[in-house]
Amino acid sequence: MKKILAVAVCSLTLTACSTMQPPRYSTSVDNIQKLKTFEGAKANVASFTQNASFDANCRLMGPIEPADSLTIPEFITKAINDEFKMADIYSPTGSQITGEITNIEFSSTSGLTNGYWDIGVILKSSNGSSLKTSNKYTFKSGFDAITACNATADALTPAVQDLIKTAVNHPDFASLLKN
């Protein structure tokens, strides 16, 4: 009986401390196509800050943390700059955009087997323009914690892609890019 109890305690200890890591960010063809319409624009995202509280823990599995030891603000900064680079509008001397994460949360249990990432940001350009936007990305998560939390981690990249899509399609986005 003691062996069974010891095995159960070890199993719980080992499985309760996992870190779910989403894959690296991959650019979105839709975002790149839209960004290419801003002919002649040159910009970069200098940094993001996060003033919104964020609980990275997923159920009892452990935290969700972006790949390459990035923080969520660093992940979003890199994501937008990657989109800019692919659309050929990235320039360290162009408009400097900073961002603030005003809301960030996820759920791996919405409707029992669904999940979402809800992210809101304010983008500010060195030219004085600003833009506030948000996006709620929904996905299938799963019933058990391992499946649901891994699905939640995997959904971070498409959630950020959709957030960027919402921003670049906003009528005020072009004003952020003007020098």
C-alpha atoms as a PDB file:
ATOM      1  CA  MET A   1       0.000   0.000   0.000  1.00  0.00           C
ATOM      2  CA  LYS A   2       2.874   2.349   0.821  1.00  0.00           C
ATOM      3  CA  LYS A   3       4.399   1.682  -2.611  1.00  0.00           C
ATOM      4  CA  ILE A   4       1.145   2.595  -4.363  1.00  0.00           C
ATOM      5  CA  LEU A   5       0.860   5.778  -2.327  1.00  0.00           C
ATOM      6  CA  ALA A   6       4.492   6.691  -3.059  1.00  0.00           C
ATOM      7  CA  VAL A   7       4.003   6.100  -6.797  1.00  0.00           C
ATOM      8  CA  ALA A   8       0.833   8.217  -6.781  1.00  0.00           C
ATOM      9  CA  VAL A   9       2.559  11.085  -4.962  1.00  0.00           C
ATOM     10  CA  CYS A  10       5.557  10.954  -7.332  1.00  0.00           C
ATOM     11  CA  SER A  11       3.273  10.888 -10.365  1.00  0.00           C
ATOM     12  CA  LEU A  12       1.296  13.903  -9.153  1.00  0.00           C
ATOM     13  CA  THR A  13       4.482  15.781  -8.333  1.00  0.00           C
ATOM     14  CA  LEU A  14       6.008  15.129 -11.734  1.00  0.00           C
ATOM     15  CA  THR A  15       2.884  15.964 -13.748  1.00  0.00           C
ATOM     16  CA  ALA A  16       1.852  19.032 -11.759  1.00  0.00           C
ATOM     17  CA  CYS A  17       4.932  21.052 -12.685  1.00  0.00           C
ATOM     18  CA  SER A  18       4.991  20.984 -16.474  1.00  0.00           C
ATOM     19  CA  THR A  19       5.518  24.122 -18.501  1.00  0.00           C
ATOM     20  CA  MET A  20       3.493  24.232 -21.692  1.00  0.00           C
ATOM     21  CA  GLN A  21       5.391  25.991 -24.429  1.00  0.00           C
ATOM     22  CA  PRO A  22       3.750  27.164 -27.642  1.00  0.00           C
ATOM     23  CA  PRO A  23       5.711  26.849 -30.853  1.00  0.00           C
ATOM     24  CA  ARG A  24       7.687  29.817 -32.123  1.00  0.00           C
ATOM     25  CA  TYR A  25       5.674  32.523 -33.822  1.00  0.00           C
ATOM     26  CA  SER A  26       4.986  31.994 -37.511  1.00  0.00           C
ATOM     27  CA  THR A  27       3.908  34.849 -39.730  1.00  0.00           C
ATOM     28  CA  SER A  28       0.439  35.103 -41.253  1.00  0.00           C
ATOM     29  CA  VAL A  29       0.035  35.410 -45.019  1.00  0.00           C
ATOM     30  CA  ASP A  30      -3.104  37.529 -44.528  1.00  0.00           C
ATOM     31  CA  ASN A  31      -1.255  39.955 -42.261  1.00  0.00           C
ATOM     32  CA  ILE A  32       1.673  40.224 -44.653  1.00  0.00           C
ATOM     33  CA  GLN A  33      -0.639  40.878 -47.613  1.00  0.00           C
ATOM     34  CA  LYS A  34      -2.410  43.648 -45.687  1.00  0.00           C
ATOM     35  CA  LEU A  35       0.857  45.203 -44.492  1.00  0.00           C
ATOM     36  CA  LYS A  36       2.157  45.283 -48.080  1.00  0.00           C
ATOM     37  CA  THR A  37      -0.683  47.674 -48.947  1.00  0.00           C
ATOM     38  CA  PHE A  38       1.012  50.359 -46.820  1.00  0.00           C
ATOM     39  CA  GLU A  39       3.440  51.209 -49.617  1.00  0.00           C
ATOM     40  CA  GLY A  40       6.527  53.102 -48.576  1.00  0.00           C
ATOM     41  CA  ALA A  41       5.822  52.695 -44.859  1.00  0.00           C
ATOM     42  CA  LYS A  42       8.772  51.969 -42.584  1.00  0.00           C
ATOM     43  CA  ALA A  43       8.286  51.071 -38.933  1.00  0.00           C
ATOM     44  CA  ASN A  44       9.287  48.806 -36.091  1.00  0.00           C
ATOM     45  CA  VAL A  45       7.922  47.834 -32.721  1.00  0.00           C
ATOM     46  CA  ALA A  46      10.386  48.985 -30.090  1.00  0.00           C
ATOM     47  CA  SER A  47       8.759  47.220 -27.155  1.00  0.00           C
ATOM     48  CA  PHE A  48       5.610  46.099 -25.396  1.00  0.00           C
ATOM     49  CA  THR A  49       4.808  46.467 -21.733  1.00  0.00           C
ATOM     50  CA  GLN A  50       2.281  44.507 -19.756  1.00  0.00           C
ATOM     51  CA  ASN A  51       0.362  46.316 -17.059  1.00  0.00           C
ATOM     52  CA  ALA A  52      -2.518  43.851 -17.128  1.00  0.00           C
ATOM     53  CA  SER A  53      -2.390  41.044 -14.608  1.00  0.00           C
ATOM     54  CA  PHE A  54      -1.900  37.633 -16.161  1.00  0.00           C
ATOM     55  CA  ASP A  55      -2.077  34.192 -14.621  1.00  0.00           C
ATOM     56  CA  ALA A  56      -0.008  31.922 -16.860  1.00  0.00           C
ATOM     57  CA  ASN A  57      -1.009  28.762 -14.977  1.00  0.00           C
ATOM     58  CA  CYS A  58      -3.189  26.307 -16.823  1.00  0.00           C
ATOM     59  CA  ARG A  59      -5.283  24.170 -14.506  1.00  0.00           C
ATOM     60  CA  LEU A  60      -2.887  22.248 -12.265  1.00  0.00           C
ATOM     61  CA  MET A  61      -0.492  21.518 -15.123  1.00  0.00           C
ATOM     62  CA  GLY A  62       1.754  24.551 -14.798  1.00  0.00           C
ATOM     63  CA  PRO A  63       2.403  27.783 -16.684  1.00  0.00           C
ATOM     64  CA  ILE A  64       2.169  28.563 -20.379  1.00  0.00           C
ATOM     65  CA  GLU A  65       5.343  30.349 -21.454  1.00  0.00           C
ATOM     66  CA  PRO A  66       6.375  31.362 -24.994  1.00  0.00           C
ATOM     67  CA  ALA A  67       9.271  29.612 -26.706  1.00  0.00           C
ATOM     68  CA  ASP A  68      12.861  30.842 -26.476  1.00  0.00           C
ATOM     69  CA  SER A  69      12.375  32.112 -22.897  1.00  0.00           C
ATOM     70  CA  LEU A  70      10.438  35.142 -24.161  1.00  0.00           C
ATOM     71  CA  THR A  71       7.871  36.916 -22.035  1.00  0.00           C
ATOM     72  CA  ILE A  72       4.410  37.530 -23.503  1.00  0.00           C
ATOM     73  CA  PRO A  73       5.293  41.207 -24.264  1.00  0.00           C
ATOM     74  CA  GLU A  74       8.529  40.103 -25.970  1.00  0.00           C
ATOM     75  CA  PHE A  75       6.614  37.431 -27.912  1.00  0.00           C
ATOM     76  CA  ILE A  76       4.129  40.012 -29.249  1.00  0.00           C
ATOM     77  CA  THR A  77       6.919  42.513 -30.041  1.00  0.00           C
ATOM     78  CA  LYS A  78       8.809  39.870 -32.011  1.00  0.00           C
ATOM     79  CA  ALA A  79       5.611  38.698 -33.743  1.00  0.00           C
ATOM     80  CA  ILE A  80       4.736  42.146 -35.087  1.00  0.00           C
ATOM     81  CA  ASN A  81       8.315  42.845 -36.135  1.00  0.00           C
ATOM     82  CA  ASP A  82       8.420  39.475 -37.930  1.00  0.00           C
ATOM     83  CA  GLU A  83       5.241  40.460 -39.818  1.00  0.00           C
ATOM     84  CA  PHE A  84       6.795  43.853 -40.674  1.00  0.00           C
ATOM     85  CA  LYS A  85       9.975  42.158 -41.919  1.00  0.00           C
ATOM     86  CA  MET A  86       8.076  39.735 -44.144  1.00  0.00           C
ATOM     87  CA  ALA A  87       6.031  42.617 -45.573  1.00  0.00           C
ATOM     88  CA  ASP A  88       9.246  44.619 -46.139  1.00  0.00           C
ATOM     89  CA  ILE A  89       8.173  47.573 -43.984  1.00  0.00           C
ATOM     90  CA  TYR A  90      10.474  46.881 -41.027  1.00  0.00           C
ATOM     91  CA  SER A  91      13.083  49.553 -40.425  1.00  0.00           C
ATOM     92  CA  PRO A  92      14.926  50.456 -37.232  1.00  0.00           C
ATOM     93  CA  THR A  93      14.815  54.106 -38.358  1.00  0.00           C
ATOM     94  CA  GLY A  94      11.120  54.205 -39.290  1.00  0.00           C
ATOM     95  CA  SER A  95       8.196  55.009 -37.033  1.00  0.00           C
ATOM     96  CA  GLN A  96       8.813  53.603 -33.563  1.00  0.00           C
ATOM     97  CA  ILE A  97       5.762  51.789 -32.235  1.00  0.00           C
ATOM     98  CA  THR A  98       5.390  50.814 -28.617  1.00  0.00           C
ATOM     99  CA  GLY A  99       2.618  48.723 -27.185  1.00  0.00           C
ATOM    100  CA  GLU A 100       0.889  48.118 -23.911  1.00  0.00           C
ATOM    101  CA  ILE A 101      -0.973  44.907 -23.162  1.00  0.00           C
ATOM    102  CA  THR A 102      -4.149  46.123 -21.475  1.00  0.00           C
ATOM    103  CA  ASN A 103      -5.798  42.727 -21.163  1.00  0.00           C
ATOM    104  CA  ILE A 104      -4.561  39.179 -21.472  1.00  0.00           C
ATOM    105  CA  GLU A 105      -6.236  36.029 -20.320  1.00  0.00           C
ATOM    106  CA  PHE A 106      -6.899  32.518 -21.476  1.00  0.00           C
ATOM    107  CA  SER A 107      -9.247  29.707 -20.629  1.00  0.00           C
ATOM    108  CA  SER A 108      -8.833  26.034 -21.391  1.00  0.00           C
ATOM    109  CA  THR A 109     -12.338  25.203 -20.147  1.00  0.00           C
ATOM    110  CA  SER A 110     -14.755  27.512 -21.913  1.00  0.00           C
ATOM    111  CA  GLY A 111     -17.852  25.416 -22.563  1.00  0.00           C
ATOM    112  CA  LEU A 112     -15.994  22.421 -21.069  1.00  0.00           C
ATOM    113  CA  THR A 113     -13.979  21.454 -24.182  1.00  0.00           C
ATOM    114  CA  ASN A 114     -13.261  24.839 -25.762  1.00  0.00           C
ATOM    115  CA  GLY A 115     -10.822  27.569 -24.919  1.00  0.00           C
ATOM    116  CA  TYR A 116      -9.910  31.128 -25.734  1.00  0.00           C
ATOM    117  CA  TRP A 117      -7.171  33.737 -25.615  1.00  0.00           C
ATOM    118  CA  ASP A 118      -8.422  37.287 -25.031  1.00  0.00           C
ATOM    119  CA  ILE A 119      -5.765  39.934 -25.686  1.00  0.00           C
ATOM    120  CA  GLY A 120      -6.136  43.722 -25.761  1.00  0.00           C
ATOM    121  CA  VAL A 121      -3.416  46.225 -26.635  1.00  0.00           C
ATOM    122  CA  ILE A 122      -2.771  49.908 -27.148  1.00  0.00           C
ATOM    123  CA  LEU A 123      -0.283  50.734 -29.913  1.00  0.00           C
ATOM    124  CA  LYS A 124       1.471  54.131 -29.836  1.00  0.00           C
ATOM    125  CA  SER A 125       3.592  55.589 -32.608  1.00  0.00           C
ATOM    126  CA  SER A 126       6.510  57.975 -32.228  1.00  0.00           C
ATOM    127  CA  ASN A 127       4.442  60.345 -34.415  1.00  0.00           C
ATOM    128  CA  GLY A 128       1.806  60.718 -31.667  1.00  0.00           C
ATOM    129  CA  SER A 129      -0.857  58.421 -33.172  1.00  0.00           C
ATOM    130  CA  SER A 130      -2.338  55.599 -31.143  1.00  0.00           C
ATOM    131  CA  LEU A 131      -4.696  52.692 -31.624  1.00  0.00           C
ATOM    132  CA  LYS A 132      -6.559  50.524 -29.125  1.00  0.00           C
ATOM    133  CA  THR A 133      -7.613  47.059 -30.230  1.00  0.00           C
ATOM    134  CA  SER A 134      -8.434  43.622 -28.868  1.00  0.00           C
ATOM    135  CA  ASN A 135      -9.214  40.157 -30.091  1.00  0.00           C
ATOM    136  CA  LYS A 136     -10.744  37.035 -28.575  1.00  0.00           C
ATOM    137  CA  TYR A 137      -9.476  33.899 -30.283  1.00  0.00           C
ATOM    138  CA  THR A 138     -11.449  30.702 -29.639  1.00  0.00           C
ATOM    139  CA  PHE A 139     -10.336  27.107 -30.207  1.00  0.00           C
ATOM    140  CA  LYS A 140     -11.046  23.483 -29.264  1.00  0.00           C
ATOM    141  CA  SER A 141      -9.129  22.619 -26.118  1.00  0.00           C
ATOM    142  CA  GLY A 142     -10.080  19.181 -24.838  1.00  0.00           C
ATOM    143  CA  PHE A 143     -11.470  17.609 -21.722  1.00  0.00           C
ATOM    144  CA  ASP A 144      -8.413  16.403 -19.823  1.00  0.00           C
ATOM    145  CA  ALA A 145      -5.858  18.869 -18.456  1.00  0.00           C
ATOM    146  CA  ILE A 146      -2.890  17.660 -20.521  1.00  0.00           C
ATOM    147  CA  THR A 147      -4.715  17.920 -23.839  1.00  0.00           C
ATOM    148  CA  ALA A 148      -6.469  21.187 -22.958  1.00  0.00           C
ATOM    149  CA  CYS A 149      -3.382  22.978 -21.668  1.00  0.00           C
ATOM    150  CA  ASN A 150      -1.240  21.901 -24.606  1.00  0.00           C
ATOM    151  CA  ALA A 151      -3.981  23.073 -26.981  1.00  0.00           C
ATOM    152  CA  THR A 152      -4.118  26.376 -25.105  1.00  0.00           C
ATOM    153  CA  ALA A 153      -0.357  26.805 -25.446  1.00  0.00           C
ATOM    154  CA  ASP A 154      -0.530  25.934 -29.153  1.00  0.00           C
ATOM    155  CA  ALA A 155      -3.287  28.526 -29.628  1.00  0.00           C
ATOM    156  CA  LEU A 156      -1.109  31.451 -28.525  1.00  0.00           C
ATOM    157  CA  THR A 157       0.431  31.934 -31.982  1.00  0.00           C
ATOM    158  CA  PRO A 158      -2.883  32.033 -33.897  1.00  0.00           C
ATOM    159  CA  ALA A 159      -4.312  34.269 -31.152  1.00  0.00           C
ATOM    160  CA  VAL A 160      -1.482  36.766 -31.680  1.00  0.00           C
ATOM    161  CA  GLN A 161      -1.836  36.435 -35.475  1.00  0.00           C
ATOM    162  CA  ASP A 162      -5.519  37.358 -35.130  1.00  0.00           C
ATOM    163  CA  LEU A 163      -4.702  40.250 -32.783  1.00  0.00           C
ATOM    164  CA  ILE A 164      -2.263  41.609 -35.378  1.00  0.00           C
ATOM    165  CA  LYS A 165      -4.866  41.066 -38.118  1.00  0.00           C
ATOM    166  CA  THR A 166      -7.398  43.076 -36.114  1.00  0.00           C
ATOM    167  CA  ALA A 167      -4.843  45.877 -35.650  1.00  0.00           C
ATOM    168  CA  VAL A 168      -3.583  46.099 -39.241  1.00  0.00           C
ATOM    169  CA  ASN A 169      -7.131  46.089 -40.602  1.00  0.00           C
ATOM    170  CA  HIS A 170      -8.218  48.908 -38.273  1.00  0.00           C
ATOM    171  CA  PRO A 171      -8.865  52.162 -40.192  1.00  0.00           C
ATOM    172  CA  ASP A 172      -6.432  54.049 -37.897  1.00  0.00           C
ATOM    173  CA  PHE A 173      -3.502  51.633 -38.318  1.00  0.00           C
ATOM    174  CA  ALA A 174      -1.984  53.528 -41.270  1.00  0.00           C
ATOM    175  CA  SER A 175      -1.545  56.613 -39.077  1.00  0.00           C
ATOM    176  CA  LEU A 176       0.859  54.658 -36.841  1.00  0.00           C
ATOM    177  CA  LEU A 177       3.203  54.120 -39.788  1.00  0.00           C
ATOM    178  CA  LYS A 178       3.578  57.745 -40.881  1.00  0.00           C
ATOM    179  CA  ASN A 179       6.923  59.357 -40.127  1.00  0.00           C
END
